mmCIF file of all heavy atoms, coordinates in Angstrom:
data_MODEL
# 
_entry.id   MODEL 
# 
loop_
_atom_site.group_PDB 
_atom_site.id 
_atom_site.type_symbol 
_atom_site.label_atom_id 
_atom_site.label_alt_id 
_atom_site.label_comp_id 
_atom_site.label_asym_id 
_atom_site.label_entity_id 
_atom_site.label_seq_id 
_atom_site.pdbx_PDB_ins_code 
_atom_site.Cartn_x 
_atom_site.Cartn_y 
_atom_site.Cartn_z 
_atom_site.occupancy 
_atom_site.B_iso_or_equiv 
_atom_site.pdbx_formal_charge 
_atom_site.auth_seq_id 
_atom_site.auth_comp_id 
_atom_site.auth_asym_id 
_atom_site.auth_atom_id 
_atom_site.pdbx_PDB_model_num 
ATOM 1   N N   . ILE A 1 1  ? 100.784 74.277  121.810 1.00 0.00 ? 1  ILE A N   1 
ATOM 2   C CA  . ILE A 1 1  ? 100.423 75.653  122.234 1.00 0.00 ? 1  ILE A CA  1 
ATOM 3   C C   . ILE A 1 1  ? 99.021  75.606  122.849 1.00 0.00 ? 1  ILE A C   1 
ATOM 4   O O   . ILE A 1 1  ? 98.064  75.319  122.187 1.00 0.00 ? 1  ILE A O   1 
ATOM 5   C CB  . ILE A 1 1  ? 100.440 76.632  121.025 1.00 0.00 ? 1  ILE A CB  1 
ATOM 6   C CG1 . ILE A 1 1  ? 101.892 76.682  120.431 1.00 0.00 ? 1  ILE A CG1 1 
ATOM 7   C CG2 . ILE A 1 1  ? 99.983  78.021  121.452 1.00 0.00 ? 1  ILE A CG2 1 
ATOM 8   C CD1 . ILE A 1 1  ? 101.984 77.586  119.210 1.00 0.00 ? 1  ILE A CD1 1 
ATOM 9   N N   . GLU A 1 2  ? 98.978  75.873  124.119 1.00 0.00 ? 2  GLU A N   1 
ATOM 10  C CA  . GLU A 1 2  ? 97.757  75.593  124.891 1.00 0.00 ? 2  GLU A CA  1 
ATOM 11  C C   . GLU A 1 2  ? 96.733  76.759  124.907 1.00 0.00 ? 2  GLU A C   1 
ATOM 12  O O   . GLU A 1 2  ? 95.577  76.513  125.211 1.00 0.00 ? 2  GLU A O   1 
ATOM 13  C CB  . GLU A 1 2  ? 98.091  75.200  126.341 1.00 0.00 ? 2  GLU A CB  1 
ATOM 14  C CG  . GLU A 1 2  ? 98.955  76.261  127.081 1.00 0.00 ? 2  GLU A CG  1 
ATOM 15  C CD  . GLU A 1 2  ? 99.547  75.648  128.359 1.00 0.00 ? 2  GLU A CD  1 
ATOM 16  O OE1 . GLU A 1 2  ? 98.717  75.396  129.284 1.00 0.00 ? 2  GLU A OE1 1 
ATOM 17  O OE2 . GLU A 1 2  ? 100.743 75.436  128.418 1.00 0.00 ? 2  GLU A OE2 1 
ATOM 18  N N   . VAL A 1 3  ? 97.165  77.958  124.581 1.00 0.00 ? 3  VAL A N   1 
ATOM 19  C CA  . VAL A 1 3  ? 96.261  79.100  124.587 1.00 0.00 ? 3  VAL A CA  1 
ATOM 20  C C   . VAL A 1 3  ? 96.365  79.798  123.249 1.00 0.00 ? 3  VAL A C   1 
ATOM 21  O O   . VAL A 1 3  ? 97.475  80.068  122.758 1.00 0.00 ? 3  VAL A O   1 
ATOM 22  C CB  . VAL A 1 3  ? 96.618  80.088  125.745 1.00 0.00 ? 3  VAL A CB  1 
ATOM 23  C CG1 . VAL A 1 3  ? 95.775  81.362  125.599 1.00 0.00 ? 3  VAL A CG1 1 
ATOM 24  C CG2 . VAL A 1 3  ? 96.411  79.429  127.100 1.00 0.00 ? 3  VAL A CG2 1 
ATOM 25  N N   . ALA A 1 4  ? 95.213  80.108  122.636 1.00 0.00 ? 4  ALA A N   1 
ATOM 26  C CA  . ALA A 1 4  ? 95.223  80.846  121.381 1.00 0.00 ? 4  ALA A CA  1 
ATOM 27  C C   . ALA A 1 4  ? 94.150  81.907  121.442 1.00 0.00 ? 4  ALA A C   1 
ATOM 28  O O   . ALA A 1 4  ? 92.958  81.617  121.615 1.00 0.00 ? 4  ALA A O   1 
ATOM 29  C CB  . ALA A 1 4  ? 94.904  79.876  120.196 1.00 0.00 ? 4  ALA A CB  1 
ATOM 30  N N   . VAL A 1 5  ? 94.617  83.166  121.284 1.00 0.00 ? 5  VAL A N   1 
ATOM 31  C CA  . VAL A 1 5  ? 93.715  84.313  121.399 1.00 0.00 ? 5  VAL A CA  1 
ATOM 32  C C   . VAL A 1 5  ? 93.708  85.107  120.101 1.00 0.00 ? 5  VAL A C   1 
ATOM 33  O O   . VAL A 1 5  ? 94.744  85.590  119.668 1.00 0.00 ? 5  VAL A O   1 
ATOM 34  C CB  . VAL A 1 5  ? 94.128  85.237  122.554 1.00 0.00 ? 5  VAL A CB  1 
ATOM 35  C CG1 . VAL A 1 5  ? 93.188  86.432  122.673 1.00 0.00 ? 5  VAL A CG1 1 
ATOM 36  C CG2 . VAL A 1 5  ? 94.200  84.499  123.877 1.00 0.00 ? 5  VAL A CG2 1 
ATOM 37  N N   . GLY A 1 6  ? 92.538  85.216  119.480 1.00 0.00 ? 6  GLY A N   1 
ATOM 38  C CA  . GLY A 1 6  ? 92.413  86.020  118.276 1.00 0.00 ? 6  GLY A CA  1 
ATOM 39  C C   . GLY A 1 6  ? 91.491  87.195  118.497 1.00 0.00 ? 6  GLY A C   1 
ATOM 40  O O   . GLY A 1 6  ? 91.088  87.475  119.648 1.00 0.00 ? 6  GLY A O   1 
ATOM 41  N N   . GLU A 1 7  ? 91.174  87.910  117.420 1.00 0.00 ? 7  GLU A N   1 
ATOM 42  C CA  . GLU A 1 7  ? 90.313  89.070  117.553 1.00 0.00 ? 7  GLU A CA  1 
ATOM 43  C C   . GLU A 1 7  ? 88.931  88.648  118.032 1.00 0.00 ? 7  GLU A C   1 
ATOM 44  O O   . GLU A 1 7  ? 88.312  87.761  117.432 1.00 0.00 ? 7  GLU A O   1 
ATOM 45  C CB  . GLU A 1 7  ? 90.208  89.801  116.234 1.00 0.00 ? 7  GLU A CB  1 
ATOM 46  C CG  . GLU A 1 7  ? 89.390  91.084  116.290 1.00 0.00 ? 7  GLU A CG  1 
ATOM 47  C CD  . GLU A 1 7  ? 89.318  91.821  114.981 1.00 0.00 ? 7  GLU A CD  1 
ATOM 48  O OE1 . GLU A 1 7  ? 89.785  91.264  113.944 1.00 0.00 ? 7  GLU A OE1 1 
ATOM 49  O OE2 . GLU A 1 7  ? 88.813  92.960  114.992 1.00 0.00 ? 7  GLU A OE2 1 
ATOM 50  N N   . ARG A 1 8  ? 88.434  89.256  119.071 1.00 0.00 ? 8  ARG A N   1 
ATOM 51  C CA  . ARG A 1 8  ? 87.126  88.917  119.637 1.00 0.00 ? 8  ARG A CA  1 
ATOM 52  C C   . ARG A 1 8  ? 86.526  90.136  120.310 1.00 0.00 ? 8  ARG A C   1 
ATOM 53  O O   . ARG A 1 8  ? 87.216  91.105  120.641 1.00 0.00 ? 8  ARG A O   1 
ATOM 54  C CB  . ARG A 1 8  ? 87.286  87.784  120.673 1.00 0.00 ? 8  ARG A CB  1 
ATOM 55  C CG  . ARG A 1 8  ? 88.207  88.154  121.812 1.00 0.00 ? 8  ARG A CG  1 
ATOM 56  C CD  . ARG A 1 8  ? 88.254  87.094  122.906 1.00 0.00 ? 8  ARG A CD  1 
ATOM 57  N NE  . ARG A 1 8  ? 89.080  85.937  122.531 1.00 0.00 ? 8  ARG A NE  1 
ATOM 58  C CZ  . ARG A 1 8  ? 89.428  84.975  123.398 1.00 0.00 ? 8  ARG A CZ  1 
ATOM 59  N NH1 . ARG A 1 8  ? 89.014  85.046  124.639 1.00 0.00 ? 8  ARG A NH1 1 
ATOM 60  N NH2 . ARG A 1 8  ? 90.189  83.990  122.988 1.00 0.00 ? 8  ARG A NH2 1 
ATOM 61  N N   . GLU A 1 9  ? 85.218  90.063  120.527 1.00 0.00 ? 9  GLU A N   1 
ATOM 62  C CA  . GLU A 1 9  ? 84.548  91.223  121.164 1.00 0.00 ? 9  GLU A CA  1 
ATOM 63  C C   . GLU A 1 9  ? 85.041  91.352  122.607 1.00 0.00 ? 9  GLU A C   1 
ATOM 64  O O   . GLU A 1 9  ? 85.324  90.355  123.295 1.00 0.00 ? 9  GLU A O   1 
ATOM 65  C CB  . GLU A 1 9  ? 83.050  90.992  121.174 1.00 0.00 ? 9  GLU A CB  1 
ATOM 66  C CG  . GLU A 1 9  ? 82.367  91.308  119.851 1.00 0.00 ? 9  GLU A CG  1 
ATOM 67  C CD  . GLU A 1 9  ? 80.854  91.343  119.961 1.00 0.00 ? 9  GLU A CD  1 
ATOM 68  O OE1 . GLU A 1 9  ? 80.362  91.764  121.029 1.00 0.00 ? 9  GLU A OE1 1 
ATOM 69  O OE2 . GLU A 1 9  ? 80.192  90.939  119.021 1.00 0.00 ? 9  GLU A OE2 1 
ATOM 70  N N   . GLY A 1 10 ? 85.193  92.599  123.059 1.00 0.00 ? 10 GLY A N   1 
ATOM 71  C CA  . GLY A 1 10 ? 85.574  92.864  124.426 1.00 0.00 ? 10 GLY A CA  1 
ATOM 72  C C   . GLY A 1 10 ? 87.067  92.790  124.695 1.00 0.00 ? 10 GLY A C   1 
ATOM 73  O O   . GLY A 1 10 ? 87.502  92.892  125.827 1.00 0.00 ? 10 GLY A O   1 
ATOM 74  N N   . CYS A 1 11 ? 87.853  92.594  123.607 1.00 0.00 ? 11 CYS A N   1 
ATOM 75  C CA  . CYS A 1 11 ? 89.328  92.514  123.767 1.00 0.00 ? 11 CYS A CA  1 
ATOM 76  C C   . CYS A 1 11 ? 89.935  93.321  122.646 1.00 0.00 ? 11 CYS A C   1 
ATOM 77  O O   . CYS A 1 11 ? 89.813  92.961  121.454 1.00 0.00 ? 11 CYS A O   1 
ATOM 78  C CB  . CYS A 1 11 ? 89.742  91.025  123.705 1.00 0.00 ? 11 CYS A CB  1 
ATOM 79  S SG  . CYS A 1 11 ? 91.492  90.773  124.040 1.00 0.00 ? 11 CYS A SG  1 
ATOM 80  N N   . ARG A 1 12 ? 90.539  94.442  123.029 1.00 0.00 ? 12 ARG A N   1 
ATOM 81  C CA  . ARG A 1 12 ? 91.101  95.300  121.974 1.00 0.00 ? 12 ARG A CA  1 
ATOM 82  C C   . ARG A 1 12 ? 92.239  94.619  121.213 1.00 0.00 ? 12 ARG A C   1 
ATOM 83  O O   . ARG A 1 12 ? 92.981  93.856  121.778 1.00 0.00 ? 12 ARG A O   1 
ATOM 84  C CB  . ARG A 1 12 ? 91.635  96.585  122.634 1.00 0.00 ? 12 ARG A CB  1 
ATOM 85  C CG  . ARG A 1 12 ? 90.534  97.487  123.180 1.00 0.00 ? 12 ARG A CG  1 
ATOM 86  C CD  . ARG A 1 12 ? 91.139  98.695  123.901 1.00 0.00 ? 12 ARG A CD  1 
ATOM 87  N NE  . ARG A 1 12 ? 92.009  98.259  125.036 1.00 0.00 ? 12 ARG A NE  1 
ATOM 88  C CZ  . ARG A 1 12 ? 92.746  99.107  125.742 1.00 0.00 ? 12 ARG A CZ  1 
ATOM 89  N NH1 . ARG A 1 12 ? 92.778  100.384 125.451 1.00 0.00 ? 12 ARG A NH1 1 
ATOM 90  N NH2 . ARG A 1 12 ? 93.498  98.640  126.722 1.00 0.00 ? 12 ARG A NH2 1 
ATOM 91  N N   . ARG A 1 13 ? 92.315  94.907  119.911 1.00 0.00 ? 13 ARG A N   1 
ATOM 92  C CA  . ARG A 1 13 ? 93.377  94.332  119.055 1.00 0.00 ? 13 ARG A CA  1 
ATOM 93  C C   . ARG A 1 13 ? 94.742  94.845  119.447 1.00 0.00 ? 13 ARG A C   1 
ATOM 94  O O   . ARG A 1 13 ? 94.865  95.938  119.993 1.00 0.00 ? 13 ARG A O   1 
ATOM 95  C CB  . ARG A 1 13 ? 93.098  94.667  117.567 1.00 0.00 ? 13 ARG A CB  1 
ATOM 96  C CG  . ARG A 1 13 ? 91.937  93.956  116.964 1.00 0.00 ? 13 ARG A CG  1 
ATOM 97  C CD  . ARG A 1 13 ? 92.032  94.038  115.449 1.00 0.00 ? 13 ARG A CD  1 
ATOM 98  N NE  . ARG A 1 13 ? 92.229  95.406  114.995 1.00 0.00 ? 13 ARG A NE  1 
ATOM 99  C CZ  . ARG A 1 13 ? 91.284  96.285  114.714 1.00 0.00 ? 13 ARG A CZ  1 
ATOM 100 N NH1 . ARG A 1 13 ? 90.029  95.878  114.797 1.00 0.00 ? 13 ARG A NH1 1 
ATOM 101 N NH2 . ARG A 1 13 ? 91.563  97.502  114.274 1.00 0.00 ? 13 ARG A NH2 1 
ATOM 102 N N   . LYS A 1 14 ? 95.773  94.041  119.144 1.00 0.00 ? 14 LYS A N   1 
ATOM 103 C CA  . LYS A 1 14 ? 97.138  94.524  119.218 1.00 0.00 ? 14 LYS A CA  1 
ATOM 104 C C   . LYS A 1 14 ? 97.237  95.803  118.343 1.00 0.00 ? 14 LYS A C   1 
ATOM 105 O O   . LYS A 1 14 ? 96.570  95.842  117.297 1.00 0.00 ? 14 LYS A O   1 
ATOM 106 C CB  . LYS A 1 14 ? 98.109  93.476  118.718 1.00 0.00 ? 14 LYS A CB  1 
ATOM 107 C CG  . LYS A 1 14 ? 98.120  92.183  119.473 1.00 0.00 ? 14 LYS A CG  1 
ATOM 108 C CD  . LYS A 1 14 ? 99.173  91.226  118.964 1.00 0.00 ? 14 LYS A CD  1 
ATOM 109 C CE  . LYS A 1 14 ? 98.973  90.854  117.488 1.00 0.00 ? 14 LYS A CE  1 
ATOM 110 N NZ  . LYS A 1 14 ? 99.967  89.860  117.012 1.00 0.00 ? 14 LYS A NZ  1 
ATOM 111 N N   . PRO A 1 15 ? 97.983  96.807  118.728 1.00 0.00 ? 15 PRO A N   1 
ATOM 112 C CA  . PRO A 1 15 ? 99.034  96.776  119.759 1.00 0.00 ? 15 PRO A CA  1 
ATOM 113 C C   . PRO A 1 15 ? 98.594  97.076  121.165 1.00 0.00 ? 15 PRO A C   1 
ATOM 114 O O   . PRO A 1 15 ? 99.449  97.216  122.046 1.00 0.00 ? 15 PRO A O   1 
ATOM 115 C CB  . PRO A 1 15 ? 99.986  97.862  119.279 1.00 0.00 ? 15 PRO A CB  1 
ATOM 116 C CG  . PRO A 1 15 ? 99.089  98.860  118.653 1.00 0.00 ? 15 PRO A CG  1 
ATOM 117 C CD  . PRO A 1 15 ? 98.027  98.054  117.949 1.00 0.00 ? 15 PRO A CD  1 
ATOM 118 N N   . GLU A 1 16 ? 97.269  97.132  121.425 1.00 0.00 ? 16 GLU A N   1 
ATOM 119 C CA  . GLU A 1 16 ? 96.832  97.232  122.796 1.00 0.00 ? 16 GLU A CA  1 
ATOM 120 C C   . GLU A 1 16 ? 97.214  95.952  123.532 1.00 0.00 ? 16 GLU A C   1 
ATOM 121 O O   . GLU A 1 16 ? 97.301  94.887  122.941 1.00 0.00 ? 16 GLU A O   1 
ATOM 122 C CB  . GLU A 1 16 ? 95.312  97.470  122.874 1.00 0.00 ? 16 GLU A CB  1 
ATOM 123 C CG  . GLU A 1 16 ? 94.839  98.729  122.162 1.00 0.00 ? 16 GLU A CG  1 
ATOM 124 C CD  . GLU A 1 16 ? 95.446  99.982  122.783 1.00 0.00 ? 16 GLU A CD  1 
ATOM 125 O OE1 . GLU A 1 16 ? 95.779  99.971  123.991 1.00 0.00 ? 16 GLU A OE1 1 
ATOM 126 O OE2 . GLU A 1 16 ? 95.572  101.019 122.048 1.00 0.00 ? 16 GLU A OE2 1 
ATOM 127 N N   . PRO A 1 17 ? 97.434  96.058  124.820 1.00 0.00 ? 17 PRO A N   1 
ATOM 128 C CA  . PRO A 1 17 ? 97.949  94.872  125.582 1.00 0.00 ? 17 PRO A CA  1 
ATOM 129 C C   . PRO A 1 17 ? 96.928  93.860  125.977 1.00 0.00 ? 17 PRO A C   1 
ATOM 130 O O   . PRO A 1 17 ? 97.319  92.783  126.476 1.00 0.00 ? 17 PRO A O   1 
ATOM 131 C CB  . PRO A 1 17 ? 98.538  95.513  126.830 1.00 0.00 ? 17 PRO A CB  1 
ATOM 132 C CG  . PRO A 1 17 ? 97.668  96.702  127.078 1.00 0.00 ? 17 PRO A CG  1 
ATOM 133 C CD  . PRO A 1 17 ? 97.347  97.243  125.686 1.00 0.00 ? 17 PRO A CD  1 
ATOM 134 N N   . ASP A 1 18 ? 95.660  94.064  125.711 1.00 0.00 ? 18 ASP A N   1 
ATOM 135 C CA  . ASP A 1 18 ? 94.591  93.221  126.255 1.00 0.00 ? 18 ASP A CA  1 
ATOM 136 C C   . ASP A 1 18 ? 94.815  91.734  125.990 1.00 0.00 ? 18 ASP A C   1 
ATOM 137 O O   . ASP A 1 18 ? 94.696  90.880  126.910 1.00 0.00 ? 18 ASP A O   1 
ATOM 138 C CB  . ASP A 1 18 ? 93.226  93.611  125.639 1.00 0.00 ? 18 ASP A CB  1 
ATOM 139 C CG  . ASP A 1 18 ? 92.867  95.065  125.911 1.00 0.00 ? 18 ASP A CG  1 
ATOM 140 O OD1 . ASP A 1 18 ? 93.806  95.906  125.963 1.00 0.00 ? 18 ASP A OD1 1 
ATOM 141 O OD2 . ASP A 1 18 ? 91.675  95.373  126.068 1.00 0.00 ? 18 ASP A OD2 1 
ATOM 142 N N   . SER A 1 19 ? 95.083  91.355  124.723 1.00 0.00 ? 19 SER A N   1 
ATOM 143 C CA  . SER A 1 19 ? 95.144  89.940  124.381 1.00 0.00 ? 19 SER A CA  1 
ATOM 144 C C   . SER A 1 19 ? 96.393  89.279  124.983 1.00 0.00 ? 19 SER A C   1 
ATOM 145 O O   . SER A 1 19 ? 96.356  88.114  125.380 1.00 0.00 ? 19 SER A O   1 
ATOM 146 C CB  . SER A 1 19 ? 95.126  89.754  122.852 1.00 0.00 ? 19 SER A CB  1 
ATOM 147 O OG  . SER A 1 19 ? 96.089  90.569  122.242 1.00 0.00 ? 19 SER A OG  1 
ATOM 148 N N   . VAL A 1 20 ? 97.480  90.012  125.105 1.00 0.00 ? 20 VAL A N   1 
ATOM 149 C CA  . VAL A 1 20 ? 98.673  89.472  125.733 1.00 0.00 ? 20 VAL A CA  1 
ATOM 150 C C   . VAL A 1 20 ? 98.426  89.189  127.249 1.00 0.00 ? 20 VAL A C   1 
ATOM 151 O O   . VAL A 1 20 ? 98.773  88.118  127.776 1.00 0.00 ? 20 VAL A O   1 
ATOM 152 C CB  . VAL A 1 20 ? 99.893  90.444  125.565 1.00 0.00 ? 20 VAL A CB  1 
ATOM 153 C CG1 . VAL A 1 20 ? 101.049 90.024  126.468 1.00 0.00 ? 20 VAL A CG1 1 
ATOM 154 C CG2 . VAL A 1 20 ? 100.319 90.508  124.140 1.00 0.00 ? 20 VAL A CG2 1 
ATOM 155 N N   . LEU A 1 21 ? 97.787  90.192  127.882 1.00 0.00 ? 21 LEU A N   1 
ATOM 156 C CA  . LEU A 1 21 ? 97.516  90.006  129.303 1.00 0.00 ? 21 LEU A CA  1 
ATOM 157 C C   . LEU A 1 21 ? 96.488  88.884  129.522 1.00 0.00 ? 21 LEU A C   1 
ATOM 158 O O   . LEU A 1 21 ? 96.598  88.151  130.512 1.00 0.00 ? 21 LEU A O   1 
ATOM 159 C CB  . LEU A 1 21 ? 96.957  91.324  129.880 1.00 0.00 ? 21 LEU A CB  1 
ATOM 160 C CG  . LEU A 1 21 ? 97.922  92.527  129.769 1.00 0.00 ? 21 LEU A CG  1 
ATOM 161 C CD1 . LEU A 1 21 ? 97.287  93.797  130.331 1.00 0.00 ? 21 LEU A CD1 1 
ATOM 162 C CD2 . LEU A 1 21 ? 99.246  92.225  130.506 1.00 0.00 ? 21 LEU A CD2 1 
ATOM 163 N N   . LEU A 1 22 ? 95.507  88.757  128.637 1.00 0.00 ? 22 LEU A N   1 
ATOM 164 C CA  . LEU A 1 22 ? 94.581  87.648  128.734 1.00 0.00 ? 22 LEU A CA  1 
ATOM 165 C C   . LEU A 1 22 ? 95.289  86.295  128.609 1.00 0.00 ? 22 LEU A C   1 
ATOM 166 O O   . LEU A 1 22 ? 95.012  85.364  129.366 1.00 0.00 ? 22 LEU A O   1 
ATOM 167 C CB  . LEU A 1 22 ? 93.507  87.790  127.653 1.00 0.00 ? 22 LEU A CB  1 
ATOM 168 C CG  . LEU A 1 22 ? 92.460  86.650  127.574 1.00 0.00 ? 22 LEU A CG  1 
ATOM 169 C CD1 . LEU A 1 22 ? 91.681  86.574  128.864 1.00 0.00 ? 22 LEU A CD1 1 
ATOM 170 C CD2 . LEU A 1 22 ? 91.505  86.907  126.403 1.00 0.00 ? 22 LEU A CD2 1 
ATOM 171 N N   . ALA A 1 23 ? 96.179  86.183  127.634 1.00 0.00 ? 23 ALA A N   1 
ATOM 172 C CA  . ALA A 1 23 ? 96.921  84.938  127.443 1.00 0.00 ? 23 ALA A CA  1 
ATOM 173 C C   . ALA A 1 23 ? 97.764  84.585  128.685 1.00 0.00 ? 23 ALA A C   1 
ATOM 174 O O   . ALA A 1 23 ? 97.766  83.451  129.115 1.00 0.00 ? 23 ALA A O   1 
ATOM 175 C CB  . ALA A 1 23 ? 97.826  85.031  126.215 1.00 0.00 ? 23 ALA A CB  1 
ATOM 176 N N   . LEU A 1 24 ? 98.444  85.567  129.253 1.00 0.00 ? 24 LEU A N   1 
ATOM 177 C CA  . LEU A 1 24 ? 99.256  85.308  130.443 1.00 0.00 ? 24 LEU A CA  1 
ATOM 178 C C   . LEU A 1 24 ? 98.392  84.933  131.641 1.00 0.00 ? 24 LEU A C   1 
ATOM 179 O O   . LEU A 1 24 ? 98.792  84.098  132.442 1.00 0.00 ? 24 LEU A O   1 
ATOM 180 C CB  . LEU A 1 24 ? 100.106 86.575  130.774 1.00 0.00 ? 24 LEU A CB  1 
ATOM 181 C CG  . LEU A 1 24 ? 101.244 86.839  129.789 1.00 0.00 ? 24 LEU A CG  1 
ATOM 182 C CD1 . LEU A 1 24 ? 101.916 88.151  130.143 1.00 0.00 ? 24 LEU A CD1 1 
ATOM 183 C CD2 . LEU A 1 24 ? 102.272 85.704  129.866 1.00 0.00 ? 24 LEU A CD2 1 
ATOM 184 N N   . GLU A 1 25 ? 97.180  85.541  131.720 1.00 0.00 ? 25 GLU A N   1 
ATOM 185 C CA  . GLU A 1 25 ? 96.284  85.154  132.803 1.00 0.00 ? 25 GLU A CA  1 
ATOM 186 C C   . GLU A 1 25 ? 95.869  83.695  132.652 1.00 0.00 ? 25 GLU A C   1 
ATOM 187 O O   . GLU A 1 25 ? 95.818  82.952  133.650 1.00 0.00 ? 25 GLU A O   1 
ATOM 188 C CB  . GLU A 1 25 ? 95.065  86.058  132.771 1.00 0.00 ? 25 GLU A CB  1 
ATOM 189 C CG  . GLU A 1 25 ? 94.061  85.790  133.879 1.00 0.00 ? 25 GLU A CG  1 
ATOM 190 C CD  . GLU A 1 25 ? 92.870  86.737  133.802 1.00 0.00 ? 25 GLU A CD  1 
ATOM 191 O OE1 . GLU A 1 25 ? 92.901  87.733  133.052 1.00 0.00 ? 25 GLU A OE1 1 
ATOM 192 O OE2 . GLU A 1 25 ? 91.882  86.449  134.533 1.00 0.00 ? 25 GLU A OE2 1 
ATOM 193 N N   . GLU A 1 26 ? 95.587  83.282  131.413 1.00 0.00 ? 26 GLU A N   1 
ATOM 194 C CA  . GLU A 1 26 ? 95.181  81.890  131.187 1.00 0.00 ? 26 GLU A CA  1 
ATOM 195 C C   . GLU A 1 26 ? 96.341  80.966  131.474 1.00 0.00 ? 26 GLU A C   1 
ATOM 196 O O   . GLU A 1 26 ? 96.163  79.805  131.945 1.00 0.00 ? 26 GLU A O   1 
ATOM 197 C CB  . GLU A 1 26 ? 94.677  81.707  129.774 1.00 0.00 ? 26 GLU A CB  1 
ATOM 198 C CG  . GLU A 1 26 ? 93.334  82.408  129.508 1.00 0.00 ? 26 GLU A CG  1 
ATOM 199 C CD  . GLU A 1 26 ? 92.737  82.005  128.200 1.00 0.00 ? 26 GLU A CD  1 
ATOM 200 O OE1 . GLU A 1 26 ? 92.859  80.834  127.782 1.00 0.00 ? 26 GLU A OE1 1 
ATOM 201 O OE2 . GLU A 1 26 ? 92.099  82.866  127.527 1.00 0.00 ? 26 GLU A OE2 1 
ATOM 202 N N   . LEU A 1 27 ? 97.583  81.383  131.165 1.00 0.00 ? 27 LEU A N   1 
ATOM 203 C CA  . LEU A 1 27 ? 98.758  80.558  131.408 1.00 0.00 ? 27 LEU A CA  1 
ATOM 204 C C   . LEU A 1 27 ? 99.188  80.605  132.904 1.00 0.00 ? 27 LEU A C   1 
ATOM 205 O O   . LEU A 1 27 ? 99.978  79.783  133.341 1.00 0.00 ? 27 LEU A O   1 
ATOM 206 C CB  . LEU A 1 27 ? 99.914  81.014  130.541 1.00 0.00 ? 27 LEU A CB  1 
ATOM 207 C CG  . LEU A 1 27 ? 99.775  80.811  129.033 1.00 0.00 ? 27 LEU A CG  1 
ATOM 208 C CD1 . LEU A 1 27 ? 100.963 81.479  128.318 1.00 0.00 ? 27 LEU A CD1 1 
ATOM 209 C CD2 . LEU A 1 27 ? 99.699  79.342  128.689 1.00 0.00 ? 27 LEU A CD2 1 
ATOM 210 N N   . ASN A 1 28 ? 98.709  81.622  133.608 1.00 0.00 ? 28 ASN A N   1 
ATOM 211 C CA  . ASN A 1 28 ? 99.079  81.857  135.011 1.00 0.00 ? 28 ASN A CA  1 
ATOM 212 C C   . ASN A 1 28 ? 100.613 82.108  135.120 1.00 0.00 ? 28 ASN A C   1 
ATOM 213 O O   . ASN A 1 28 ? 101.293 81.543  135.965 1.00 0.00 ? 28 ASN A O   1 
ATOM 214 C CB  . ASN A 1 28 ? 98.673  80.677  135.884 1.00 0.00 ? 28 ASN A CB  1 
ATOM 215 C CG  . ASN A 1 28 ? 98.744  81.046  137.368 1.00 0.00 ? 28 ASN A CG  1 
ATOM 216 O OD1 . ASN A 1 28 ? 98.595  82.179  137.778 1.00 0.00 ? 28 ASN A OD1 1 
ATOM 217 N ND2 . ASN A 1 28 ? 98.988  80.025  138.203 1.00 0.00 ? 28 ASN A ND2 1 
# 
């Protein structure tokens, strides 16, 4: 698993979409 996104500043927690969209951006 090449990308791992947890709770962090500037990225709203699930169920907001921020972390999913960030992961997809990193995966391209």
